[in-house]
N, C-alpha and C. Protein backbone atom coordinates (compact mmCIF):
# COMPACT_ATOMS: atom_id res chain seq x y z
N MET A 1 -24.51 -8.00 4.83
CA MET A 1 -23.93 -8.63 3.29
C MET A 1 -23.84 -7.24 2.58
N LEU A 2 -22.73 -6.89 1.98
CA LEU A 2 -22.43 -5.88 1.01
C LEU A 2 -22.63 -6.41 -0.57
N LEU A 3 -23.69 -5.66 -1.12
CA LEU A 3 -23.49 -6.39 -2.42
C LEU A 3 -23.17 -5.25 -3.45
N VAL A 4 -22.12 -5.70 -4.25
CA VAL A 4 -21.58 -4.70 -5.16
C VAL A 4 -21.54 -5.19 -6.51
N SER A 5 -21.90 -3.96 -7.44
CA SER A 5 -21.93 -4.33 -8.81
C SER A 5 -21.40 -3.45 -9.89
N GLY A 6 -20.94 -3.77 -10.99
CA GLY A 6 -20.48 -2.60 -11.78
C GLY A 6 -19.10 -2.07 -11.72
N PRO A 7 -19.07 -0.83 -11.93
CA PRO A 7 -17.50 -0.45 -11.66
C PRO A 7 -17.17 -0.55 -10.23
N ASP A 8 -17.85 -0.51 -9.29
CA ASP A 8 -17.72 -1.01 -7.78
C ASP A 8 -17.18 -2.27 -7.65
N LEU A 9 -17.73 -3.26 -8.21
CA LEU A 9 -17.33 -4.66 -8.24
C LEU A 9 -15.79 -4.93 -8.59
N LEU A 10 -15.65 -3.95 -9.93
CA LEU A 10 -14.41 -4.14 -10.43
C LEU A 10 -13.29 -3.43 -9.40
N VAL A 11 -13.66 -2.22 -8.89
CA VAL A 11 -12.55 -1.75 -8.10
C VAL A 11 -12.34 -2.58 -6.86
N GLU A 12 -13.54 -3.24 -6.05
CA GLU A 12 -13.37 -4.14 -5.02
C GLU A 12 -12.58 -5.27 -5.36
N SER A 13 -12.79 -5.73 -6.42
CA SER A 13 -12.06 -7.03 -7.02
C SER A 13 -10.69 -6.80 -7.26
N LEU A 14 -10.17 -5.57 -7.80
CA LEU A 14 -8.89 -5.21 -7.84
C LEU A 14 -8.32 -4.95 -6.56
N SER A 15 -8.87 -4.24 -6.01
CA SER A 15 -8.33 -4.06 -4.29
C SER A 15 -7.99 -5.37 -3.61
N ALA A 16 -9.12 -6.37 -3.75
CA ALA A 16 -8.55 -7.52 -3.07
C ALA A 16 -7.44 -8.31 -3.64
N GLN A 17 -7.38 -8.22 -4.92
CA GLN A 17 -6.27 -8.91 -5.80
C GLN A 17 -5.11 -8.32 -5.51
N THR A 18 -4.87 -6.70 -5.08
CA THR A 18 -3.58 -6.15 -4.86
C THR A 18 -3.30 -6.57 -3.31
N ARG A 19 -4.12 -6.50 -2.50
CA ARG A 19 -3.81 -6.93 -1.15
C ARG A 19 -3.36 -8.31 -1.28
N VAL A 20 -3.96 -9.20 -1.75
CA VAL A 20 -3.47 -10.77 -1.91
C VAL A 20 -1.93 -10.65 -2.47
N ARG A 21 -1.90 -9.89 -3.55
CA ARG A 21 -0.35 -10.14 -4.01
C ARG A 21 0.61 -9.53 -3.13
N THR A 22 0.30 -8.09 -2.58
CA THR A 22 1.37 -7.28 -1.76
C THR A 22 1.66 -8.13 -0.74
N VAL A 23 0.89 -8.67 0.40
CA VAL A 23 0.93 -9.34 1.54
C VAL A 23 1.79 -10.65 1.15
N GLN A 24 1.98 -11.01 0.06
CA GLN A 24 2.93 -12.29 -0.27
C GLN A 24 4.33 -11.71 -0.58
N LEU A 25 4.62 -10.59 -0.76
CA LEU A 25 5.95 -10.05 -1.30
C LEU A 25 6.68 -10.17 0.12
N PRO A 26 8.00 -10.26 0.09
CA PRO A 26 8.97 -10.36 1.27
C PRO A 26 8.93 -9.12 1.99
N ASP A 27 8.71 -9.06 3.37
CA ASP A 27 8.64 -8.07 4.12
C ASP A 27 7.81 -7.07 4.06
N ARG A 28 6.55 -6.93 2.78
CA ARG A 28 5.81 -6.22 2.84
C ARG A 28 4.68 -6.31 3.85
N MET A 29 4.39 -7.45 4.66
CA MET A 29 3.58 -7.59 5.70
C MET A 29 4.07 -6.94 6.80
N ARG A 30 5.18 -6.96 7.13
CA ARG A 30 5.77 -6.55 8.14
C ARG A 30 5.82 -4.99 8.02
N GLN A 31 6.31 -4.30 6.85
CA GLN A 31 5.97 -3.06 6.78
C GLN A 31 4.82 -2.49 6.83
N SER A 32 3.84 -3.13 6.08
CA SER A 32 2.29 -2.78 6.20
C SER A 32 1.84 -2.54 7.69
N LEU A 33 2.29 -3.64 8.46
CA LEU A 33 1.72 -3.56 9.76
C LEU A 33 2.31 -2.36 10.58
N ALA A 34 3.60 -2.23 10.24
CA ALA A 34 4.31 -0.71 11.06
C ALA A 34 3.65 0.53 10.39
N GLU A 35 3.43 0.35 8.88
CA GLU A 35 2.71 1.66 8.28
C GLU A 35 1.26 1.77 9.10
N HIS A 36 0.65 0.62 9.26
CA HIS A 36 -0.89 0.92 9.97
C HIS A 36 -0.61 1.26 11.31
N ARG A 37 0.30 0.78 12.08
CA ARG A 37 0.54 1.26 13.57
C ARG A 37 0.64 2.95 13.47
N GLU A 38 1.56 3.26 12.63
CA GLU A 38 1.74 4.70 12.50
C GLU A 38 0.58 5.42 12.17
N ILE A 39 -0.21 4.95 11.39
CA ILE A 39 -1.58 5.74 11.04
C ILE A 39 -2.37 5.86 12.15
N VAL A 40 -2.65 4.88 12.76
CA VAL A 40 -3.47 4.52 13.86
C VAL A 40 -2.80 5.65 14.93
N ALA A 41 -1.68 5.46 15.18
CA ALA A 41 -0.79 6.50 16.25
C ALA A 41 -1.24 7.96 15.89
N ALA A 42 -1.26 8.29 14.68
CA ALA A 42 -1.63 9.58 14.23
C ALA A 42 -2.97 10.10 14.51
N VAL A 43 -3.71 8.79 14.18
CA VAL A 43 -5.37 9.65 14.52
C VAL A 43 -5.47 9.34 16.12
N ARG A 44 -4.90 8.68 16.76
CA ARG A 44 -5.05 8.56 18.13
C ARG A 44 -4.51 9.81 18.84
N ALA A 45 -3.60 10.31 18.24
CA ALA A 45 -2.75 11.49 18.77
C ALA A 45 -3.76 12.78 18.18
N GLY A 46 -4.53 12.62 17.35
CA GLY A 46 -5.30 13.98 16.93
C GLY A 46 -4.49 14.59 16.06
N ASP A 47 -3.57 13.93 15.14
CA ASP A 47 -2.73 14.86 14.51
C ASP A 47 -3.13 14.80 12.62
N PRO A 48 -3.89 15.32 12.40
CA PRO A 48 -4.28 15.01 11.02
C PRO A 48 -3.20 15.14 9.65
N ASP A 49 -2.40 15.90 10.04
CA ASP A 49 -1.30 16.19 9.20
C ASP A 49 -0.50 14.81 9.02
N ARG A 50 -0.08 14.48 10.22
CA ARG A 50 0.75 13.11 10.52
C ARG A 50 -0.18 12.02 9.88
N ALA A 51 -1.33 11.87 10.27
CA ALA A 51 -2.17 10.82 9.61
C ALA A 51 -1.93 10.70 8.25
N GLU A 52 -2.27 12.10 7.65
CA GLU A 52 -2.12 11.99 6.09
C GLU A 52 -0.88 11.70 5.60
N VAL A 53 0.13 12.08 5.98
CA VAL A 53 1.41 11.61 5.71
C VAL A 53 1.79 10.19 5.69
N ALA A 54 1.16 9.41 6.97
CA ALA A 54 1.34 8.05 7.01
C ALA A 54 0.51 7.41 6.24
N VAL A 55 -0.62 7.71 5.66
CA VAL A 55 -1.39 7.22 4.67
C VAL A 55 -0.97 7.13 3.40
N ARG A 56 -0.31 8.40 3.10
CA ARG A 56 0.32 8.47 1.56
C ARG A 56 1.72 7.78 1.70
N THR A 57 2.46 7.72 2.70
CA THR A 57 3.52 6.86 2.48
C THR A 57 3.13 5.31 2.45
N HIS A 58 2.15 4.97 3.13
CA HIS A 58 1.55 3.68 2.93
C HIS A 58 1.35 3.34 1.60
N LEU A 59 0.62 4.03 0.97
CA LEU A 59 -0.25 3.81 -0.38
C LEU A 59 1.09 3.69 -1.52
N THR A 60 1.85 4.93 -1.31
CA THR A 60 2.92 4.86 -1.88
C THR A 60 4.12 3.86 -2.01
N ASN A 61 4.31 2.98 -0.82
CA ASN A 61 4.87 1.96 -0.49
C ASN A 61 4.45 0.60 -1.30
N VAL A 62 3.21 0.63 -0.99
CA VAL A 62 2.26 -0.56 -1.48
C VAL A 62 2.35 -0.50 -3.04
N LYS A 63 2.16 0.68 -3.71
CA LYS A 63 2.41 0.79 -4.97
C LYS A 63 3.59 0.55 -5.62
N GLU A 64 4.49 0.95 -4.90
CA GLU A 64 6.17 0.56 -5.01
C GLU A 64 6.37 -0.86 -5.05
N SER A 65 6.11 -1.50 -4.18
CA SER A 65 6.22 -2.74 -3.98
C SER A 65 5.41 -3.64 -5.03
N LEU A 66 4.21 -3.41 -5.42
CA LEU A 66 3.48 -3.97 -6.35
C LEU A 66 4.04 -3.73 -7.74
N ARG A 67 4.57 -2.45 -7.90
CA ARG A 67 5.28 -2.41 -9.25
C ARG A 67 6.38 -3.10 -9.35
N ARG A 68 7.24 -3.23 -8.49
CA ARG A 68 8.63 -4.07 -8.27
C ARG A 68 8.11 -5.53 -8.65
N SER A 69 7.02 -5.92 -8.10
CA SER A 69 6.86 -7.25 -8.19
C SER A 69 6.32 -7.62 -9.61
N LEU A 70 5.49 -6.91 -9.99
CA LEU A 70 5.10 -7.10 -11.67
C LEU A 70 6.24 -6.92 -12.54
N GLN A 71 7.12 -5.96 -12.26
CA GLN A 71 8.27 -5.63 -13.27
C GLN A 71 9.35 -6.96 -13.02
N SER A 72 9.24 -7.83 -11.89
CA SER A 72 10.11 -8.83 -11.98
C SER A 72 9.80 -10.11 -12.32
N ARG A 73 8.44 -10.13 -12.76
CA ARG A 73 7.64 -11.35 -13.56
C ARG A 73 8.26 -11.61 -14.60
């Protein structure tokens, strides 16, 4: 069991809320799955540059999806 408190608890709570919100967006789950597969493929291939690009792309896409979702409220 992981015990989290203080600022770490806040970060974990916000991370969980972000995951819940973004997977409910249209096509975000499908897109995230494809992005995660690319990350795994890059790691398996031993290509850190490709993996970094894949992770950065995924995080940018999540951030943009969340931003659009919040703006449309």
